[in-house]
Amino acid sequence: MEDQQTINLVQRASSQTQDFGFVQEIALFGSEEWWAAVEDGRIPTRTVEGLISRLYMSGHGDWPEFEISVGDQTTRWTRMGNQKEYEVGRKVRLQYILQRPKKPWLSEEIEQVLRIFIEDQRK
């Protein structure tokens, strides 16, 4: 997670509000202790590997998303990082964790992307 401003906002919401941000089960989201817990497995990671099958804009046409197809299963994710890397047909591996929001407005757990690896076309 490279976006320090987003991390700072989530940390502030998590530590200073009762309705927003994430439950601090092991450590404050995005902190060094949190990343150490991700790396040592105390915060379990999940992985989706497949092919980029679709690129599109959601919301009001301003939110870049993509689909990963694995067999007959398809999952949707926000495109992060260099948008030019996302091309239909490229192999992708996405790592994420599940975080519990303080108030589960839409879901009991939120998929929080850690890393997206897209196959280098130049190989």
C-alpha atoms as a PDB file:
ATOM      1  CA  MET A   1       0.000   0.000   0.000  1.00  0.00           C
ATOM      2  CA  GLU A   2       1.871   3.036  -1.285  1.00  0.00           C
ATOM      3  CA  ASP A   3      -0.753   5.749  -0.769  1.00  0.00           C
ATOM      4  CA  GLN A   4       0.368   7.392   2.482  1.00  0.00           C
ATOM      5  CA  GLN A   5      -2.441   9.963   2.477  1.00  0.00           C
ATOM      6  CA  THR A   6      -5.077   7.210   2.352  1.00  0.00           C
ATOM      7  CA  ILE A   7      -3.310   5.278   5.107  1.00  0.00           C
ATOM      8  CA  ASN A   8      -3.192   8.419   7.278  1.00  0.00           C
ATOM      9  CA  LEU A   9      -6.919   9.063   6.784  1.00  0.00           C
ATOM     10  CA  VAL A  10      -7.853   5.454   7.602  1.00  0.00           C
ATOM     11  CA  GLN A  11      -5.586   5.495  10.658  1.00  0.00           C
ATOM     12  CA  ARG A  12      -7.169   8.728  11.895  1.00  0.00           C
ATOM     13  CA  ALA A  13     -10.687   7.365  11.376  1.00  0.00           C
ATOM     14  CA  SER A  14      -9.738   4.068  13.053  1.00  0.00           C
ATOM     15  CA  SER A  15      -8.153   5.685  16.106  1.00  0.00           C
ATOM     16  CA  GLN A  16     -10.322   8.795  16.554  1.00  0.00           C
ATOM     17  CA  THR A  17     -13.894   7.804  15.653  1.00  0.00           C
ATOM     18  CA  GLN A  18     -16.365   5.168  16.750  1.00  0.00           C
ATOM     19  CA  ASP A  19     -18.230   4.777  13.460  1.00  0.00           C
ATOM     20  CA  PHE A  20     -15.489   4.834  10.831  1.00  0.00           C
ATOM     21  CA  GLY A  21     -12.248   3.030  10.083  1.00  0.00           C
ATOM     22  CA  PHE A  22     -11.236  -0.508  10.973  1.00  0.00           C
ATOM     23  CA  VAL A  23     -11.309  -2.497  14.198  1.00  0.00           C
ATOM     24  CA  GLN A  24      -7.756  -2.665  15.561  1.00  0.00           C
ATOM     25  CA  GLU A  25      -7.629  -6.393  16.291  1.00  0.00           C
ATOM     26  CA  ILE A  26      -3.844  -6.745  16.031  1.00  0.00           C
ATOM     27  CA  ALA A  27      -2.486  -3.325  15.121  1.00  0.00           C
ATOM     28  CA  LEU A  28      -3.426   0.020  13.623  1.00  0.00           C
ATOM     29  CA  PHE A  29      -4.081  -0.303   9.882  1.00  0.00           C
ATOM     30  CA  GLY A  30      -0.986   0.470   7.791  1.00  0.00           C
ATOM     31  CA  SER A  31       1.371   0.798  10.757  1.00  0.00           C
ATOM     32  CA  GLU A  32       4.757  -0.936  10.920  1.00  0.00           C
ATOM     33  CA  GLU A  33       3.295  -3.406  13.441  1.00  0.00           C
ATOM     34  CA  TRP A  34       0.355  -4.061  11.086  1.00  0.00           C
ATOM     35  CA  TRP A  35       2.700  -4.788   8.149  1.00  0.00           C
ATOM     36  CA  ALA A  36       4.798  -7.069  10.399  1.00  0.00           C
ATOM     37  CA  ALA A  37       1.609  -8.966  11.297  1.00  0.00           C
ATOM     38  CA  VAL A  38       0.775  -9.311   7.587  1.00  0.00           C
ATOM     39  CA  GLU A  39       4.276 -10.595   6.845  1.00  0.00           C
ATOM     40  CA  ASP A  40       4.376 -13.115   9.712  1.00  0.00           C
ATOM     41  CA  GLY A  41       0.850 -14.404   9.074  1.00  0.00           C
ATOM     42  CA  ARG A  42      -0.939 -13.054  12.159  1.00  0.00           C
ATOM     43  CA  ILE A  43      -3.051 -11.157   9.649  1.00  0.00           C
ATOM     44  CA  PRO A  44      -3.762 -13.825   7.023  1.00  0.00           C
ATOM     45  CA  THR A  45      -3.459 -12.908   3.355  1.00  0.00           C
ATOM     46  CA  ARG A  46      -5.527 -14.258   0.498  1.00  0.00           C
ATOM     47  CA  THR A  47      -4.539 -14.457  -3.152  1.00  0.00           C
ATOM     48  CA  VAL A  48      -6.446 -14.376  -6.430  1.00  0.00           C
ATOM     49  CA  GLU A  49      -4.531 -15.430  -9.557  1.00  0.00           C
ATOM     50  CA  GLY A  50      -5.927 -15.406 -13.057  1.00  0.00           C
ATOM     51  CA  LEU A  51      -6.330 -13.284 -16.152  1.00  0.00           C
ATOM     52  CA  ILE A  52      -7.508  -9.720 -16.487  1.00  0.00           C
ATOM     53  CA  SER A  53     -10.788 -10.250 -18.298  1.00  0.00           C
ATOM     54  CA  ARG A  54     -12.328  -6.777 -18.298  1.00  0.00           C
ATOM     55  CA  LEU A  55     -11.422  -3.114 -17.689  1.00  0.00           C
ATOM     56  CA  TYR A  56     -14.116  -0.559 -16.964  1.00  0.00           C
ATOM     57  CA  MET A  57     -15.087   2.542 -15.016  1.00  0.00           C
ATOM     58  CA  SER A  58     -17.697   2.242 -12.272  1.00  0.00           C
ATOM     59  CA  GLY A  59     -19.430   4.704  -9.966  1.00  0.00           C
ATOM     60  CA  HIS A  60     -20.104   7.840 -11.950  1.00  0.00           C
ATOM     61  CA  GLY A  61     -17.665   6.748 -14.636  1.00  0.00           C
ATOM     62  CA  ASP A  62     -14.728   7.866 -12.498  1.00  0.00           C
ATOM     63  CA  TRP A  63     -13.635   4.735 -10.592  1.00  0.00           C
ATOM     64  CA  PRO A  64     -11.236   2.435 -12.500  1.00  0.00           C
ATOM     65  CA  GLU A  65     -11.936  -1.256 -11.938  1.00  0.00           C
ATOM     66  CA  PHE A  66     -10.940  -4.567 -13.470  1.00  0.00           C
ATOM     67  CA  GLU A  67     -12.063  -8.161 -13.374  1.00  0.00           C
ATOM     68  CA  ILE A  68      -9.937 -11.227 -12.706  1.00  0.00           C
ATOM     69  CA  SER A  69     -11.201 -14.471 -14.232  1.00  0.00           C
ATOM     70  CA  VAL A  70     -10.182 -17.797 -12.740  1.00  0.00           C
ATOM     71  CA  GLY A  71     -11.976 -20.610 -14.545  1.00  0.00           C
ATOM     72  CA  ASP A  72     -15.679 -19.763 -14.362  1.00  0.00           C
ATOM     73  CA  GLN A  73     -15.223 -17.416 -11.371  1.00  0.00           C
ATOM     74  CA  THR A  74     -14.845 -13.647 -11.760  1.00  0.00           C
ATOM     75  CA  THR A  75     -13.908 -11.107  -9.095  1.00  0.00           C
ATOM     76  CA  ARG A  76     -13.876  -7.293  -9.342  1.00  0.00           C
ATOM     77  CA  TRP A  77     -11.199  -4.982  -7.983  1.00  0.00           C
ATOM     78  CA  THR A  78     -10.126  -1.345  -8.052  1.00  0.00           C
ATOM     79  CA  ARG A  79      -7.251  -0.637 -10.442  1.00  0.00           C
ATOM     80  CA  MET A  80      -4.322   0.764  -8.461  1.00  0.00           C
ATOM     81  CA  GLY A  81      -0.930   2.032  -9.544  1.00  0.00           C
ATOM     82  CA  ASN A  82       0.084   2.421 -13.179  1.00  0.00           C
ATOM     83  CA  GLN A  83      -3.135   2.224 -15.195  1.00  0.00           C
ATOM     84  CA  LYS A  84      -1.196   1.404 -18.398  1.00  0.00           C
ATOM     85  CA  GLU A  85      -0.176  -1.982 -16.921  1.00  0.00           C
ATOM     86  CA  TYR A  86      -3.769  -3.215 -16.935  1.00  0.00           C
ATOM     87  CA  GLU A  87      -4.572  -4.984 -20.196  1.00  0.00           C
ATOM     88  CA  VAL A  88      -7.165  -7.641 -20.921  1.00  0.00           C
ATOM     89  CA  GLY A  89      -5.512 -11.057 -21.204  1.00  0.00           C
ATOM     90  CA  ARG A  90      -2.536 -10.337 -18.936  1.00  0.00           C
ATOM     91  CA  LYS A  91      -1.854 -12.634 -15.991  1.00  0.00           C
ATOM     92  CA  VAL A  92      -2.409 -11.069 -12.592  1.00  0.00           C
ATOM     93  CA  ARG A  93      -1.870 -12.035  -8.956  1.00  0.00           C
ATOM     94  CA  LEU A  94      -3.625  -9.960  -6.315  1.00  0.00           C
ATOM     95  CA  GLN A  95      -3.002 -10.279  -2.563  1.00  0.00           C
ATOM     96  CA  TYR A  96      -5.504  -8.967  -0.048  1.00  0.00           C
ATOM     97  CA  ILE A  97      -6.645  -9.251   3.551  1.00  0.00           C
ATOM     98  CA  LEU A  98     -10.035  -9.024   5.205  1.00  0.00           C
ATOM     99  CA  GLN A  99     -10.523  -6.093   7.600  1.00  0.00           C
ATOM    100  CA  ARG A 100     -13.492  -5.628   9.922  1.00  0.00           C
ATOM    101  CA  PRO A 101     -15.011  -2.140   9.775  1.00  0.00           C
ATOM    102  CA  LYS A 102     -16.088  -0.551  13.053  1.00  0.00           C
ATOM    103  CA  LYS A 103     -19.625  -0.265  11.697  1.00  0.00           C
ATOM    104  CA  PRO A 104     -20.528  -2.910   9.120  1.00  0.00           C
ATOM    105  CA  TRP A 105     -22.702  -0.681   6.899  1.00  0.00           C
ATOM    106  CA  LEU A 106     -22.417  -2.872   3.810  1.00  0.00           C
ATOM    107  CA  SER A 107     -20.318  -5.838   4.886  1.00  0.00           C
ATOM    108  CA  GLU A 108     -18.931  -7.584   7.981  1.00  0.00           C
ATOM    109  CA  GLU A 109     -15.492  -7.659   6.320  1.00  0.00           C
ATOM    110  CA  ILE A 110     -13.841  -5.490   3.680  1.00  0.00           C
ATOM    111  CA  GLU A 111     -11.332  -6.830   1.169  1.00  0.00           C
ATOM    112  CA  GLN A 112      -8.255  -4.624   1.502  1.00  0.00           C
ATOM    113  CA  VAL A 113      -5.806  -5.009  -1.383  1.00  0.00           C
ATOM    114  CA  LEU A 114      -2.140  -5.263  -0.393  1.00  0.00           C
ATOM    115  CA  ARG A 115      -0.377  -5.878  -3.704  1.00  0.00           C
ATOM    116  CA  ILE A 116      -1.194  -6.362  -7.367  1.00  0.00           C
ATOM    117  CA  PHE A 117       1.349  -8.118  -9.601  1.00  0.00           C
ATOM    118  CA  ILE A 118       0.721  -7.945 -13.344  1.00  0.00           C
ATOM    119  CA  GLU A 119       2.727 -10.117 -15.733  1.00  0.00           C
ATOM    120  CA  ASP A 120       5.370  -8.231 -17.667  1.00  0.00           C
ATOM    121  CA  GLN A 121       4.432  -8.324 -21.376  1.00  0.00           C
ATOM    122  CA  ARG A 122       8.075  -7.940 -22.436  1.00  0.00           C
ATOM    123  CA  LYS A 123       9.054 -11.482 -21.410  1.00  0.00           C
END
